C-alpha atoms as a PDB file:
ATOM      1  CA  MET A   1      80.778 109.984-103.199  1.00  0.00           C
ATOM      2  CA  ALA A   2      78.009 110.459-105.735  1.00  0.00           C
ATOM      3  CA  MET A   3      76.032 107.427-106.789  1.00  0.00           C
ATOM      4  CA  PRO A   4      76.562 106.559-110.455  1.00  0.00           C
ATOM      5  CA  LYS A   5      74.115 104.732-112.676  1.00  0.00           C
ATOM      6  CA  GLN A   6      74.652 101.063-111.904  1.00  0.00           C
ATOM      7  CA  GLY A   7      72.790  97.823-111.656  1.00  0.00           C
ATOM      8  CA  ARG A   8      69.998  97.289-109.102  1.00  0.00           C
ATOM      9  CA  PHE A   9      72.234  95.339-106.722  1.00  0.00           C
ATOM     10  CA  ALA A  10      74.880  98.055-106.544  1.00  0.00           C
ATOM     11  CA  THR A  11      72.225 100.748-106.146  1.00  0.00           C
ATOM     12  CA  ALA A  12      70.444  98.791-103.378  1.00  0.00           C
ATOM     13  CA  ALA A  13      73.745  98.096-101.602  1.00  0.00           C
ATOM     14  CA  TYR A  14      74.696 101.774-101.709  1.00  0.00           C
ATOM     15  CA  LYS A  15      71.380 102.754-100.059  1.00  0.00           C
ATOM     16  CA  LEU A  16      71.843 100.462 -97.041  1.00  0.00           C
ATOM     17  CA  ASN A  17      71.943 102.153 -93.634  1.00  0.00           C
ATOM     18  CA  TRP A  18      74.632 101.333 -91.068  1.00  0.00           C
ATOM     19  CA  TRP A  19      72.201  99.229 -88.991  1.00  0.00           C
ATOM     20  CA  GLN A  20      71.202  97.198 -92.056  1.00  0.00           C
ATOM     21  CA  ILE A  21      74.906  96.529 -92.721  1.00  0.00           C
ATOM     22  CA  ALA A  22      75.290  95.519 -89.065  1.00  0.00           C
ATOM     23  CA  LEU A  23      72.449  92.968 -89.479  1.00  0.00           C
ATOM     24  CA  ILE A  24      74.016  91.669 -92.684  1.00  0.00           C
ATOM     25  CA  SER A  25      77.340  91.410 -90.870  1.00  0.00           C
ATOM     26  CA  MET A  26      75.753  89.247 -88.174  1.00  0.00           C
ATOM     27  CA  GLY A  27      74.175  87.043 -90.855  1.00  0.00           C
ATOM     28  CA  VAL A  28      77.444  86.753 -92.756  1.00  0.00           C
ATOM     29  CA  SER A  29      79.257  85.869 -89.526  1.00  0.00           C
ATOM     30  CA  LEU A  30      76.714  83.115 -88.804  1.00  0.00           C
ATOM     31  CA  LEU A  31      77.149  81.730 -92.303  1.00  0.00           C
ATOM     32  CA  GLY A  32      80.909  81.692 -91.735  1.00  0.00           C
ATOM     33  CA  LYS A  33      80.343  79.769 -88.530  1.00  0.00           C
ATOM     34  CA  LEU A  34      78.420  77.106 -90.468  1.00  0.00           C
ATOM     35  CA  SER A  35      81.588  76.294 -92.412  1.00  0.00           C
ATOM     36  CA  THR A  36      83.087  74.905 -89.211  1.00  0.00           C
ATOM     37  CA  GLY A  37      80.577  72.080 -89.308  1.00  0.00           C
ATOM     38  CA  GLY A  38      80.804  71.455 -85.604  1.00  0.00           C
ATOM     39  CA  SER A  39      79.458  72.449 -82.265  1.00  0.00           C
ATOM     40  CA  ARG A  40      80.820  75.300 -80.206  1.00  0.00           C
ATOM     41  CA  LYS A  41      82.056  72.725 -77.657  1.00  0.00           C
ATOM     42  CA  LYS A  42      84.125  70.898 -80.281  1.00  0.00           C
ATOM     43  CA  GLU A  43      85.545  74.162 -81.569  1.00  0.00           C
ATOM     44  CA  GLN A  44      86.515  75.333 -78.101  1.00  0.00           C
ATOM     45  CA  ARG A  45      88.040  71.929 -77.332  1.00  0.00           C
ATOM     46  CA  LEU A  46      90.203  72.150 -80.443  1.00  0.00           C
ATOM     47  CA  TYR A  47      91.242  75.712 -79.685  1.00  0.00           C
ATOM     48  CA  ASN A  48      91.668  75.452 -75.906  1.00  0.00           C
ATOM     49  CA  VAL A  49      92.783  71.826 -75.367  1.00  0.00           C
ATOM     50  CA  GLN A  50      93.956  69.945 -78.456  1.00  0.00           C
ATOM     51  CA  LEU A  51      96.210  72.556 -80.049  1.00  0.00           C
ATOM     52  CA  LYS A  52      99.221  74.145 -78.429  1.00  0.00           C
ATOM     53  CA  GLN A  53      98.374  77.835 -78.305  1.00  0.00           C
ATOM     54  CA  ALA A  54     100.577  80.877 -78.313  1.00  0.00           C
ATOM     55  CA  PRO A  55     100.846  82.477 -74.859  1.00  0.00           C
ATOM     56  CA  TRP A  56      99.355  85.658 -76.426  1.00  0.00           C
ATOM     57  CA  ALA A  57      96.409  83.822 -78.071  1.00  0.00           C
ATOM     58  CA  PRO A  58      93.075  85.521 -77.416  1.00  0.00           C
ATOM     59  CA  PRO A  59      90.294  83.688 -75.578  1.00  0.00           C
ATOM     60  CA  ALA A  60      88.020  81.762 -77.940  1.00  0.00           C
ATOM     61  CA  TRP A  61      85.017  84.000 -77.213  1.00  0.00           C
ATOM     62  CA  LEU A  62      86.827  87.043 -78.651  1.00  0.00           C
ATOM     63  CA  PHE A  63      86.534  85.610 -82.171  1.00  0.00           C
ATOM     64  CA  GLY A  64      82.740  85.864 -81.868  1.00  0.00           C
ATOM     65  CA  VAL A  65      83.132  89.583 -81.256  1.00  0.00           C
ATOM     66  CA  ALA A  66      85.985  90.306 -83.645  1.00  0.00           C
ATOM     67  CA  TRP A  67      84.536  88.766 -86.773  1.00  0.00           C
ATOM     68  CA  PRO A  68      81.169  90.503 -86.847  1.00  0.00           C
ATOM     69  CA  LEU A  69      83.050  93.798 -86.331  1.00  0.00           C
ATOM     70  CA  ASN A  70      85.564  92.973 -89.084  1.00  0.00           C
ATOM     71  CA  ASN A  71      82.762  91.942 -91.408  1.00  0.00           C
ATOM     72  CA  PHE A  72      80.802  95.126 -90.659  1.00  0.00           C
ATOM     73  CA  PHE A  73      83.696  97.339 -91.749  1.00  0.00           C
ATOM     74  CA  VAL A  74      84.556  95.212 -94.813  1.00  0.00           C
ATOM     75  CA  LEU A  75      80.886  95.442 -95.825  1.00  0.00           C
ATOM     76  CA  LEU A  76      81.029  99.241 -95.393  1.00  0.00           C
ATOM     77  CA  ALA A  77      84.000  99.247 -97.737  1.00  0.00           C
ATOM     78  CA  LEU A  78      82.054  97.119-100.212  1.00  0.00           C
ATOM     79  CA  LYS A  79      79.120  99.552 -99.994  1.00  0.00           C
ATOM     80  CA  GLU A  80      81.450 102.448-100.844  1.00  0.00           C
ATOM     81  CA  LEU A  81      83.075 100.527-103.687  1.00  0.00           C
ATOM     82  CA  LEU A  82      79.687  99.682-105.206  1.00  0.00           C
ATOM     83  CA  GLY A  83      78.412 103.247-104.859  1.00  0.00           C
ATOM     84  CA  ALA A  84      81.521 105.179-105.747  1.00  0.00           C
ATOM     85  CA  GLU A  85      82.250 106.872-109.003  1.00  0.00           C
ATOM     86  CA  PRO A  86      84.262 104.534-111.215  1.00  0.00           C
ATOM     87  CA  ILE A  87      87.907 104.516-110.154  1.00  0.00           C
ATOM     88  CA  PRO A  88      90.845 102.628-111.633  1.00  0.00           C
ATOM     89  CA  GLU A  89      91.426 100.573-108.453  1.00  0.00           C
ATOM     90  CA  ARG A  90      87.787  99.619-107.936  1.00  0.00           C
ATOM     91  CA  LYS A  91      88.162  96.345-109.812  1.00  0.00           C
ATOM     92  CA  LYS A  92      91.346  95.533-107.929  1.00  0.00           C
ATOM     93  CA  LEU A  93      89.692  96.262-104.559  1.00  0.00           C
ATOM     94  CA  LEU A  94      86.615  94.215-105.484  1.00  0.00           C
ATOM     95  CA  ILE A  95      88.805  91.257-106.457  1.00  0.00           C
ATOM     96  CA  MET A  96      90.667  91.551-103.139  1.00  0.00           C
ATOM     97  CA  GLN A  97      87.284  91.752-101.343  1.00  0.00           C
ATOM     98  CA  GLY A  98      86.195  88.559-103.089  1.00  0.00           C
ATOM     99  CA  ALA A  99      89.401  86.841-101.931  1.00  0.00           C
ATOM    100  CA  ILE A 100      88.880  88.122 -98.380  1.00  0.00           C
ATOM    101  CA  TRP A 101      85.364  86.684 -98.344  1.00  0.00           C
ATOM    102  CA  LEU A 102      86.562  83.391 -99.821  1.00  0.00           C
ATOM    103  CA  ILE A 103      89.103  83.073 -97.021  1.00  0.00           C
ATOM    104  CA  PHE A 104      86.520  84.001 -94.415  1.00  0.00           C
ATOM    105  CA  PHE A 105      84.013  81.414 -95.590  1.00  0.00           C
ATOM    106  CA  SER A 106      86.537  78.608 -96.015  1.00  0.00           C
ATOM    107  CA  PHE A 107      88.626  79.162 -92.875  1.00  0.00           C
ATOM    108  CA  GLY A 108      86.304  77.201 -90.591  1.00  0.00           C
ATOM    109  CA  PHE A 109      86.565  74.239 -92.941  1.00  0.00           C
ATOM    110  CA  VAL A 110      90.374  74.076 -92.921  1.00  0.00           C
ATOM    111  CA  TYR A 111      90.767  74.907 -89.243  1.00  0.00           C
ATOM    112  CA  PHE A 112      87.891  73.203 -87.487  1.00  0.00           C
ATOM    113  CA  ARG A 113      86.806  70.445 -89.869  1.00  0.00           C
ATOM    114  CA  LYS A 114      90.196  69.460 -91.239  1.00  0.00           C
ATOM    115  CA  GLN A 115      92.109  70.644 -88.134  1.00  0.00           C
ATOM    116  CA  SER A 116      95.061  71.807 -90.221  1.00  0.00           C
ATOM    117  CA  PRO A 117      97.162  74.398 -88.373  1.00  0.00           C
ATOM    118  CA  LEU A 118      99.400  74.886 -91.440  1.00  0.00           C
ATOM    119  CA  LEU A 119      96.498  75.611 -93.788  1.00  0.00           C
ATOM    120  CA  ALA A 120      94.900  77.826 -91.124  1.00  0.00           C
ATOM    121  CA  ALA A 121      98.148  79.794 -90.879  1.00  0.00           C
ATOM    122  CA  ALA A 122      98.320  80.129 -94.663  1.00  0.00           C
ATOM    123  CA  TRP A 123      94.700  81.329 -94.786  1.00  0.00           C
ATOM    124  CA  THR A 124      95.324  83.818 -91.953  1.00  0.00           C
ATOM    125  CA  MET A 125      98.519  85.194 -93.544  1.00  0.00           C
ATOM    126  CA  ALA A 126      96.747  85.515 -96.902  1.00  0.00           C
ATOM    127  CA  ASP A 127      93.894  87.377 -95.186  1.00  0.00           C
ATOM    128  CA  ALA A 128      96.399  89.716 -93.502  1.00  0.00           C
ATOM    129  CA  GLY A 129      98.181  90.288 -96.815  1.00  0.00           C
ATOM    130  CA  LEU A 130      94.928  91.073 -98.564  1.00  0.00           C
ATOM    131  CA  SER A 131      93.825  93.440 -95.832  1.00  0.00           C
ATOM    132  CA  ILE A 132      97.167  95.285 -95.987  1.00  0.00           C
ATOM    133  CA  ALA A 133      96.973  95.496 -99.774  1.00  0.00           C
ATOM    134  CA  SER A 134      93.342  96.653 -99.622  1.00  0.00           C
ATOM    135  CA  PHE A 135      94.197  99.292 -97.016  1.00  0.00           C
ATOM    136  CA  LEU A 136      97.133 100.649 -99.027  1.00  0.00           C
ATOM    137  CA  THR A 137      95.248 100.614-102.321  1.00  0.00           C
ATOM    138  CA  ALA A 138      92.223 102.324-100.783  1.00  0.00           C
ATOM    139  CA  ARG A 139      94.384 104.878 -99.007  1.00  0.00           C
ATOM    140  CA  ARG A 140      95.583 106.204-102.357  1.00  0.00           C
ATOM    141  CA  ILE A 141      91.959 106.776-103.347  1.00  0.00           C
ATOM    142  CA  ASP A 142      90.060 107.748-100.219  1.00  0.00           C
ATOM    143  CA  LYS A 143      91.227 107.716 -96.596  1.00  0.00           C
ATOM    144  CA  LYS A 144      87.702 106.938 -95.312  1.00  0.00           C
ATOM    145  CA  LEU A 145      87.561 103.883 -97.540  1.00  0.00           C
ATOM    146  CA  ALA A 146      90.997 102.804 -96.303  1.00  0.00           C
ATOM    147  CA  TYR A 147      89.913 103.051 -92.664  1.00  0.00           C
ATOM    148  CA  TYR A 148      87.198 100.485 -93.312  1.00  0.00           C
ATOM    149  CA  TYR A 149      89.958  97.927 -93.914  1.00  0.00           C
ATOM    150  CA  LEU A 150      91.864  98.880 -90.755  1.00  0.00           C
ATOM    151  CA  PRO A 151      90.044  96.605 -88.254  1.00  0.00           C
ATOM    152  CA  LEU A 152      90.601  93.583 -90.487  1.00  0.00           C
ATOM    153  CA  LEU A 153      94.223  94.553 -91.024  1.00  0.00           C
ATOM    154  CA  VAL A 154      94.876  94.854 -87.254  1.00  0.00           C
ATOM    155  CA  TRP A 155      93.021  91.650 -86.389  1.00  0.00           C
ATOM    156  CA  THR A 156      94.519  89.438 -89.115  1.00  0.00           C
ATOM    157  CA  SER A 157      98.025  90.775 -88.480  1.00  0.00           C
ATOM    158  CA  TYR A 158      97.680  89.800 -84.810  1.00  0.00           C
ATOM    159  CA  ALA A 159      95.933  86.519 -85.635  1.00  0.00           C
ATOM    160  CA  SER A 160      98.739  85.622 -88.058  1.00  0.00           C
ATOM    161  CA  THR A 161     101.203  85.513 -85.202  1.00  0.00           C
ATOM    162  CA  VAL A 162      98.903  83.167 -83.244  1.00  0.00           C
ATOM    163  CA  ALA A 163      98.334  80.973 -86.348  1.00  0.00           C
ATOM    164  CA  ASP A 164     102.041  80.858 -87.111  1.00  0.00           C
ATOM    165  CA  TYR A 165     102.750  79.690 -83.568  1.00  0.00           C
ATOM    166  CA  GLN A 166     100.110  76.943 -83.898  1.00  0.00           C
ATOM    167  CA  ALA A 167     101.542  75.844 -87.225  1.00  0.00           C
ATOM    168  CA  LEU A 168     105.018  75.551 -85.746  1.00  0.00           C
ATOM    169  CA  LYS A 169     103.981  73.811 -82.513  1.00  0.00           C
ATOM    170  CA  ASN A 170     101.312  71.335 -83.729  1.00  0.00           C
ATOM    171  CA  ASN A 171     101.193  68.366 -86.044  1.00  0.00           C
ATOM    172  CA  ASP A 172      99.206  68.804 -89.247  1.00  0.00           C
ATOM    173  CA  PRO A 173      97.028  65.744 -89.963  1.00  0.00           C
ATOM    174  CA  VAL A 174      95.993  66.987 -93.434  1.00  0.00           C
ATOM    175  CA  LEU A 175      99.473  67.666 -94.743  1.00  0.00           C
ATOM    176  CA  LYS A 176     100.949  64.843 -92.610  1.00  0.00           C
ATOM    177  CA  ILE A 177     103.673  67.090 -91.225  1.00  0.00           C
ATOM    178  CA  SER A 178     105.035  66.832 -87.699  1.00  0.00           C
ATOM    179  CA  ALA A 179     105.269  69.993 -85.649  1.00  0.00           C
ATOM    180  CA  PRO A 180     108.468  71.749 -86.796  1.00  0.00           C
ATOM    181  CA  LEU A 181     109.191  73.191 -83.337  1.00  0.00           C
ATOM    182  CA  ASP A 182     107.724  70.559 -81.030  1.00  0.00           C
END
């Protein structure tokens, strides 16, 4: 895609190399971790001990691998969107990206700080829905751009099943709802 005349931020973003995006992805992932507001021990205790987990739930350490990878590919998509020729769906994809990032940065708050399995499930399902919509929208424009959304789509689709299980099997202290299937 040719680089159009745009603002400095878009031009700078478009010029980033893959390794620079990888570093940004690590930084973004660390910022997302800050939203949890707790120690790794407290997070693992919530995930491994306090909440009833789905039998197919991944080990806690896998999230530390999955999210930097997801963020890397979503940032590659953002780079392409900022550097691409103007397209009708660009605004739509940028709005969906903004919503994806909002969910990412607020998830730790609702899950770890508030310990709300129902809100966490809603966040995860919304993230999965946005990744599916982003993938399908991007696919109509550019298959390469669509593939950047694929890791997030796969991860959040899988994570939604785990989050749904947690929401059904655990009490929600924030919404004051007993576990529907306990």
